[in-house]
Protein backbone atom coordinates (compact mmCIF):
# COMPACT_ATOMS: atom_id res chain seq x y z
CA MET A 1 104.49 85.29 -44.51
CA CYS A 2 102.01 88.14 -44.28
CA ALA A 3 102.23 90.93 -46.76
CA LYS A 4 103.63 94.15 -45.45
CA SER A 5 101.60 97.27 -45.39
CA THR A 6 102.40 100.06 -47.76
CA LYS A 7 103.70 102.32 -44.97
CA GLU A 8 105.95 99.66 -43.54
CA GLU A 9 107.38 98.92 -47.00
CA GLU A 10 108.12 102.58 -47.59
CA TYR A 11 109.75 102.83 -44.14
CA GLU A 12 111.97 99.83 -44.73
CA GLU A 13 112.79 100.79 -48.27
CA GLU A 14 113.91 104.24 -47.26
CA PHE A 15 116.20 103.17 -44.43
CA CYS A 16 117.41 99.88 -45.79
CA GLY A 17 118.10 101.48 -49.12
CA THR A 18 120.31 104.03 -47.40
CA LYS A 19 122.16 101.25 -45.64
CA VAL A 20 122.83 99.48 -48.95
CA ASP A 21 124.16 102.67 -50.44
CA HIS A 22 126.56 103.06 -47.55
CA GLU A 23 127.76 99.52 -47.80
CA ARG A 24 128.47 100.01 -51.49
CA GLN A 25 130.40 103.20 -50.91
CA GLY A 26 132.70 101.56 -48.40
CA PRO A 27 133.63 102.34 -44.82
CA ASP A 28 135.03 105.79 -45.64
CA ALA A 29 131.59 107.01 -46.58
CA VAL A 30 130.45 107.32 -42.99
CA PHE A 31 132.86 110.21 -42.49
CA LYS A 32 131.25 112.21 -45.32
CA LYS A 33 128.42 114.61 -44.73
CA PRO A 34 125.09 113.18 -46.00
CA GLN A 35 124.07 114.74 -49.29
CA ASP A 36 120.45 115.08 -48.34
CA GLU A 37 119.06 115.13 -44.83
CA SER A 38 115.57 115.98 -45.96
CA HIS A 39 114.47 112.42 -45.28
CA ARG A 40 114.78 113.17 -41.54
CA LYS A 41 112.03 115.74 -41.89
CA ASP A 42 109.79 113.32 -43.85
CA ILE A 43 109.66 110.85 -41.01
CA SER A 44 106.50 111.56 -39.02
CA LYS A 45 104.29 109.77 -36.61
CA GLU A 46 102.60 107.84 -39.38
CA TYR A 47 105.78 105.76 -39.90
CA LEU A 48 106.09 104.88 -36.19
CA HIS A 49 104.67 101.96 -34.33
CA PRO A 50 101.29 102.69 -32.81
CA GLU A 51 102.77 102.67 -29.27
CA GLN A 52 105.38 105.22 -30.31
CA GLN A 53 102.93 107.68 -31.86
CA ASP A 54 101.86 108.97 -28.43
CA LEU A 55 105.42 109.90 -27.36
CA GLU A 56 106.65 113.48 -27.03
CA PRO A 57 108.41 115.01 -30.06
CA HIS A 58 111.87 115.16 -28.42
CA ILE A 59 111.60 111.46 -27.51
CA ILE A 60 110.69 110.63 -31.10
CA GLN A 61 113.80 112.48 -32.29
CA ASP A 62 115.91 110.44 -29.86
CA LEU A 63 114.39 107.26 -31.22
CA GLU A 64 115.14 108.32 -34.78
CA ARG A 65 118.76 108.93 -33.89
CA GLY A 66 118.88 105.57 -32.15
CA VAL A 67 117.57 103.86 -35.26
CA LYS A 68 120.12 105.56 -37.41
CA MET A 69 122.97 104.63 -35.05
CA THR A 70 121.74 101.05 -35.01
CA LYS A 71 121.33 100.83 -38.73
CA PHE A 72 124.62 102.49 -39.60
CA PRO A 73 127.40 101.79 -37.04
CA LEU A 74 130.62 103.70 -37.62
CA THR A 75 133.36 101.74 -39.25
CA ALA A 76 136.85 102.69 -40.31
CA ASN A 77 139.93 101.29 -41.91
CA LYS A 78 141.41 99.28 -39.06
CA SER A 79 144.99 99.43 -40.16
CA GLU A 80 145.00 103.23 -40.67
CA ASN A 81 143.20 103.82 -37.40
CA GLU A 82 145.57 101.61 -35.48
CA ASP A 83 148.54 103.42 -37.01
CA GLU A 84 147.13 106.78 -35.96
CA LYS A 85 146.31 105.45 -32.51
CA GLY A 86 149.79 104.03 -32.23
CA ASP A 87 151.33 107.40 -33.11
CA VAL A 88 149.18 109.11 -30.48
CA ASP A 89 150.00 106.46 -27.89
CA ARG A 90 153.69 106.74 -28.61
CA CYS A 91 153.53 110.53 -28.32
CA GLU A 92 151.49 110.50 -25.13
CA GLY A 93 153.58 107.71 -23.70
CA SER A 94 156.85 109.57 -24.25
CA GLN A 95 155.44 112.66 -22.57
CA ALA A 96 154.15 110.66 -19.62
CA ASP A 97 157.48 108.90 -19.26
CA ASN A 98 159.23 112.23 -19.15
CA LEU A 99 156.84 113.57 -16.52
CA LEU A 100 156.60 110.53 -14.28
CA ALA A 101 158.77 107.50 -14.81
CA PRO A 102 157.51 104.41 -12.98
CA LEU A 103 159.45 103.29 -9.94
CA SER A 104 160.47 99.70 -9.51
CA GLU A 105 160.93 98.05 -6.13
CA SER A 106 164.70 98.41 -6.43
CA ASP A 107 164.58 102.12 -7.29
CA ASP A 108 165.90 104.56 -4.69
CA ILE A 109 163.86 107.74 -4.55
CA MET A 110 166.90 109.74 -3.50
CA SER A 111 168.89 108.57 -6.50
CA ARG A 112 166.27 109.97 -8.89
CA SER A 113 166.81 113.57 -7.80
CA SER A 114 169.31 114.15 -10.55
CA ASP A 115 169.76 112.68 -14.00
CA THR A 116 173.47 113.44 -13.84
CA ASP A 117 174.11 111.75 -10.50
CA ASP A 118 177.09 109.52 -11.10
CA GLY A 119 177.72 108.65 -7.46
CA ASN A 120 180.74 110.91 -7.17
CA ASP A 121 181.53 111.29 -3.47
CA ASP A 122 183.32 114.58 -4.07
CA GLU A 123 180.17 116.31 -5.37
CA ASP A 124 178.87 119.15 -3.21
CA GLU A 125 176.10 117.59 -1.12
CA HIS A 126 174.45 120.96 -0.60
CA SER A 127 173.40 120.98 -4.26
CA LYS A 128 171.42 117.77 -3.75
CA GLY A 129 169.05 119.41 -1.29
CA ARG A 130 167.91 118.79 2.22
CA LEU A 131 166.37 115.37 1.53
CA THR A 132 169.66 113.90 0.35
CA SER A 133 171.42 115.14 3.46
CA ARG A 134 168.70 113.74 5.69
CA ALA A 135 168.92 110.39 3.98
CA ASN A 136 172.67 110.27 4.48
CA ASN A 137 173.62 112.11 7.67
CA LYS A 138 177.23 111.03 7.48
CA ASN A 139 177.67 113.60 4.71
CA ALA A 140 176.53 116.38 7.11
CA LYS A 141 178.84 115.48 10.00
CA CYS A 142 181.18 118.01 11.58
CA SER A 143 184.79 116.89 11.27
CA GLN A 144 185.73 118.79 14.45
CA CYS A 145 183.12 117.68 16.99
CA ASP A 146 181.24 114.86 15.15
CA LYS A 147 177.93 116.71 15.47
CA LEU A 148 175.33 115.70 12.84
CA PHE A 149 173.24 118.09 10.75
CA PHE A 150 170.27 117.68 8.41
CA ASN A 151 171.87 119.59 5.56
CA MET A 152 175.20 120.97 4.43
CA SER A 153 174.18 124.60 4.89
CA SER A 154 173.57 123.98 8.62
CA LEU A 155 176.93 122.21 8.86
CA LYS A 156 178.60 125.12 7.07
CA ARG A 157 177.15 127.60 9.56
CA HIS A 158 178.22 125.40 12.46
CA THR A 159 181.77 125.07 11.11
CA ARG A 160 182.20 128.83 11.52
CA THR A 161 182.05 128.35 15.30
CA HIS A 162 185.29 126.38 14.96
CA THR A 163 187.02 128.48 12.32
CA GLY A 164 185.88 131.89 13.55
CA GLU A 165 184.93 132.85 10.00
CA ARG A 166 182.70 135.94 9.73
CA PRO A 167 181.87 136.43 6.05
CA PHE A 168 179.03 138.96 6.53
CA ALA A 169 180.20 142.55 7.04
CA CYS A 170 178.11 145.59 7.99
CA PRO A 171 178.37 148.21 5.21
CA VAL A 172 177.98 151.02 7.77
CA CYS A 173 180.46 150.21 10.55
CA GLY A 174 182.34 147.22 9.11
CA LYS A 175 181.44 144.84 11.93
CA THR A 176 181.45 141.23 10.77
CA PHE A 177 179.12 138.34 11.57
CA SER A 178 179.08 134.59 11.05
CA LEU A 179 175.40 134.55 10.01
CA ASN A 180 173.51 136.74 7.58
CA GLY A 181 170.58 136.90 10.00
CA HIS A 182 172.82 138.44 12.65
CA LEU A 183 173.94 141.07 10.16
CA ILE A 184 170.33 141.93 9.33
CA THR A 185 169.52 142.31 13.03
CA HIS A 186 172.64 144.43 13.58
CA THR A 187 171.78 146.71 10.64
CA ARG A 188 168.61 147.70 12.48
CA THR A 189 170.75 149.34 15.16
CA HIS A 190 171.82 151.80 12.46
CA THR A 191 168.44 152.24 10.77
CA GLY A 192 166.36 152.20 13.95
CA GLU A 193 163.97 149.72 12.34
CA LYS A 194 161.80 147.79 14.80
CA PRO A 195 159.51 145.55 12.75
CA PHE A 196 158.25 143.43 15.67
CA ALA A 197 155.60 145.23 17.75
CA CYS A 198 153.91 144.13 20.96
CA SER A 199 150.17 143.66 20.45
CA LEU A 200 149.44 144.82 24.01
CA CYS A 201 151.60 147.94 24.51
CA ASN A 202 152.80 148.60 20.91
CA LEU A 203 156.45 148.60 21.99
CA GLY A 204 158.67 147.82 19.01
CA PHE A 205 161.63 145.44 18.83
CA ALA A 206 164.38 144.73 16.30
CA GLN A 207 164.29 140.96 16.92
CA LYS A 208 161.41 138.53 17.14
CA VAL A 209 163.01 136.69 20.08
CA THR A 210 163.15 139.99 22.00
CA LEU A 211 159.44 140.49 21.38
CA THR A 212 158.75 136.94 22.59
CA ASN A 213 160.66 137.59 25.80
CA HIS A 214 158.89 140.93 26.23
CA MET A 215 155.46 139.33 25.89
CA ARG A 216 156.28 137.25 28.95
CA THR A 217 156.44 140.44 31.01
CA HIS A 218 152.72 140.76 30.31
CA THR A 219 151.83 137.10 30.82
CA GLY A 220 154.25 136.46 33.70
CA GLU A 221 155.45 133.31 31.98
CA LYS A 222 158.92 132.09 33.05
CA PRO A 223 159.57 128.82 31.22
CA PHE A 224 163.32 128.61 31.89
CA ALA A 225 164.33 127.25 35.31
CA CYS A 226 167.79 127.08 36.90
CA SER A 227 168.73 123.46 37.62
CA MET A 228 170.79 124.53 40.66
CA CYS A 229 168.55 126.93 42.58
CA GLY A 230 165.19 126.64 40.82
CA GLN A 231 164.97 130.33 39.93
CA ARG A 232 162.93 130.88 36.79
CA PHE A 233 163.46 133.27 33.89
CA SER A 234 161.44 134.55 30.93
CA GLY A 235 164.35 134.29 28.49
CA LYS A 236 166.93 131.59 27.84
CA ARG A 237 169.81 134.09 27.73
CA HIS A 238 168.82 135.28 31.20
CA LEU A 239 169.06 131.71 32.46
CA ILE A 240 172.48 131.24 30.84
CA ALA A 241 173.77 134.45 32.41
CA HIS A 242 172.35 133.41 35.79
CA THR A 243 173.88 129.93 35.59
CA ARG A 244 177.32 131.47 35.21
CA ARG A 245 176.90 133.01 38.66
CA HIS A 246 176.85 129.48 40.06
CA THR A 247 179.68 128.19 37.91
CA GLY A 248 181.80 131.36 38.04
CA GLU A 249 182.28 131.20 34.28
CA LYS A 250 183.24 134.52 32.69
CA PRO A 251 184.02 133.86 29.03
CA PHE A 252 184.02 137.50 27.86
CA VAL A 253 187.36 139.30 28.36
CA CYS A 254 188.08 143.01 28.00
CA SER A 255 190.87 143.51 25.46
CA ILE A 256 192.07 146.65 27.25
CA CYS A 257 192.26 145.73 30.96
CA GLY A 258 191.66 141.97 30.89
CA LYS A 259 188.58 142.09 33.10
CA THR A 260 186.19 139.20 32.48
CA PHE A 261 182.40 139.11 32.31
CA SER A 262 179.71 136.47 32.26
CA VAL A 263 177.56 138.33 29.73
CA SER A 264 178.69 139.88 26.44
CA GLY A 265 176.48 142.90 27.08
CA HIS A 266 178.33 143.63 30.29
CA LEU A 267 181.64 143.55 28.43
CA ARG A 268 180.27 145.93 25.82
CA THR A 269 179.08 148.33 28.49
CA HIS A 270 182.39 148.05 30.36
CA THR A 271 184.37 148.83 27.20
CA ARG A 272 182.62 152.21 27.08
CA THR A 273 184.22 153.11 30.40
CA HIS A 274 187.54 153.00 28.53
CA THR A 275 186.34 154.78 25.40
CA GLY A 276 184.00 157.24 27.14
CA GLU A 277 181.31 156.45 24.58
CA LYS A 278 177.76 157.34 25.58
CA PRO A 279 175.61 156.64 22.52
CA PHE A 280 172.19 156.96 24.18
CA ALA A 281 170.91 160.52 24.71
CA CYS A 282 167.78 161.70 26.53
CA GLU A 283 165.44 163.63 24.22
CA VAL A 284 164.17 165.76 27.12
CA CYS A 285 167.30 166.95 28.92
CA GLY A 286 170.09 165.78 26.61
CA LEU A 287 171.79 163.64 29.27
CA ARG A 288 173.74 160.79 27.69
CA PHE A 289 174.21 157.21 28.84
CA ALA A 290 176.44 154.26 28.03
CA GLN A 291 173.55 151.79 28.22
CA LYS A 292 170.15 151.90 26.60
CA ILE A 293 168.49 150.52 29.73
CA SER A 294 169.97 153.41 31.70
CA LEU A 295 168.38 155.87 29.26
CA THR A 296 165.04 154.04 29.50
CA ASN A 297 165.09 154.16 33.30
CA HIS A 298 166.14 157.84 33.23
CA THR A 299 163.31 158.77 30.86
CA ARG A 300 160.81 157.56 33.46
CA THR A 301 162.05 160.25 35.83
CA HIS A 302 160.56 162.74 33.36
CA THR A 303 157.35 160.85 32.67
CA GLY A 304 156.78 159.50 36.19
CA GLU A 305 155.99 156.10 34.73
CA LYS A 306 156.24 153.14 37.11
CA PRO A 307 155.28 150.07 35.07
CA PHE A 308 156.56 147.42 37.49
CA ALA A 309 154.14 146.48 40.28
CA CYS A 310 154.98 144.38 43.32
CA SER A 311 153.07 141.10 43.43
CA TYR A 312 153.01 141.18 47.27
CA CYS A 313 151.99 144.79 47.90
CA GLU A 314 150.69 147.76 45.93
CA LYS A 315 154.05 149.49 45.55
CA ARG A 316 155.25 150.26 42.02
CA PHE A 317 158.70 150.91 40.56
CA ALA A 318 160.25 152.59 37.54
CA THR A 319 162.78 149.81 36.95
CA LYS A 320 162.56 146.06 36.99
CA GLY A 321 165.73 145.87 39.07
CA HIS A 322 164.21 148.00 41.82
CA LEU A 323 161.11 145.80 41.81
CA ARG A 324 163.22 142.65 42.06
CA THR A 325 165.23 144.06 44.96
CA HIS A 326 162.04 145.16 46.73
CA GLU A 327 160.34 141.78 46.39
CA ARG A 328 163.26 140.16 48.19
CA THR A 329 162.19 142.09 51.30
CA HIS A 330 159.01 140.00 51.16
CA THR A 331 160.61 136.68 50.30
CA GLY A 332 163.82 137.05 52.32
CA GLU A 333 165.81 135.82 49.34
CA LYS A 334 169.55 136.55 49.38
CA PRO A 335 170.95 135.11 46.16
CA PHE A 336 174.34 136.87 46.31
CA ALA A 337 176.78 135.08 48.59
CA CYS A 338 180.27 136.16 49.58
CA LEU A 339 182.91 133.74 48.28
CA LEU A 340 185.11 134.39 51.31
CA CYS A 341 182.74 134.18 54.28
CA GLY A 342 179.49 132.87 52.75
CA LYS A 343 177.34 135.78 53.88
CA GLY A 344 174.31 136.34 51.67
CA PHE A 345 172.91 139.58 50.26
CA SER A 346 169.78 140.61 48.43
CA THR A 347 171.62 142.71 45.83
CA SER A 348 174.89 142.38 43.96
CA GLY A 349 175.79 145.94 45.01
CA HIS A 350 175.60 145.05 48.68
CA LEU A 351 177.79 142.01 48.06
CA ARG A 352 180.33 144.15 46.21
CA ILE A 353 180.53 146.64 49.09
CA HIS A 354 180.85 143.79 51.59
CA THR A 355 183.67 142.17 49.63
CA ARG A 356 185.73 145.34 50.13
CA THR A 357 185.78 144.64 53.86
CA HIS A 358 187.88 141.58 53.01
CA THR A 359 190.06 143.20 50.36
CA GLY A 360 190.44 146.61 52.05
CA GLU A 361 189.58 148.36 48.79
CA LYS A 362 188.35 151.96 49.15
CA PRO A 363 187.67 153.31 45.66
CA PHE A 364 185.75 156.48 46.69
CA GLU A 365 188.15 159.30 47.56
CA CYS A 366 187.32 162.70 49.04
CA SER A 367 188.37 165.55 46.75
CA VAL A 368 189.07 167.81 49.72
CA CYS A 369 191.09 165.71 52.17
CA SER A 370 191.85 162.60 50.10
CA LEU A 371 190.15 160.32 52.64
CA SER A 372 188.87 157.11 50.95
CA PHE A 373 185.70 155.08 51.48
CA ARG A 374 184.39 151.66 50.51
CA ASP A 375 181.07 152.93 49.04
CA HIS A 376 179.59 156.07 47.59
CA SER A 377 177.18 156.63 50.47
CA GLY A 378 180.14 156.75 52.91
CA LEU A 379 181.83 159.40 50.79
CA ALA A 380 178.62 161.45 50.52
CA LYS A 381 178.17 161.41 54.31
CA HIS A 382 181.80 162.50 54.74
CA MET A 383 181.46 165.39 52.24
CA ARG A 384 178.78 166.94 54.45
CA SER A 385 181.42 167.39 57.16
CA HIS A 386 183.27 169.78 54.87
CA THR A 387 180.21 171.79 53.86
CA GLU A 388 178.97 172.22 57.41
């Protein structure tokens, strides 16, 4: 074997000697800070291989660290390290198990929603949430009509249509409602709040559905069609009210005179004929009205506004009803038919006057001579005979 050079012997002696010292001190020594790191500064290019002497300084430092890591691998007491690792694993494992327990193939996701679920059938299903009710629709089934619901809260609301329960009362007027949403909407009639505004004309509305229906007056959209006559409507409630004209259904009864109506709004307006209530007042002339639509139409007599344009000619109208009646002169439509003779009319008023020819009713009486007439125009014509 060739003799080593002096530099190589010094290099090996310095590093190998350090390794021996570490081996003598035991494995715990590697965790102690070296007593003297001055030997790192003493290592220069003269101790390196000739090919390594041309490398950049930072690369030389990396090589030195690599040598040290190779010469002195970290070791530790296996039993102590495994105990510490086991403690950490047990701690982390328990936390992970608490956060996300693994599911087996037989596990039911729904059954894991509660740690206290003991399968008691009498437990309130609403507390289990919507998913439980969806997974087991038989628990959200109406006992009166067998209708199914996704959750118990929907079933509870539906049940009030059978029981007539109205648990939500207005703090202002005492009127009761079956749904909290209906109470909120009703409260706006007292406060005047109209949070839903039209983006085209800035008209405000108390209900979002009313705004939706209003927007269709701008777009002309009429998505609801009558299955009997094909007439189309912008709102579903308008279609329902129209359908009752075909069926003759009048589910709303006046508690004072017993008169029936097909629309709840008509009953409400009719009731004011008994009470004399006129809650809507004109801000210009002070004239009061029983219906809000009547006030709106009256206000246009002051402003001259005619927002409803005929789609067949250039004529415009202050009310939608006048526009509808006018357009029937173009189409020839006569949707109001007499139940006794079948004659058709373009307006409900004309039908009502015609019906009196069958019944003999003459509700308009002259205040001078007590002569009676079937319609107001007949009375007005007669009154001129007294003034002349």
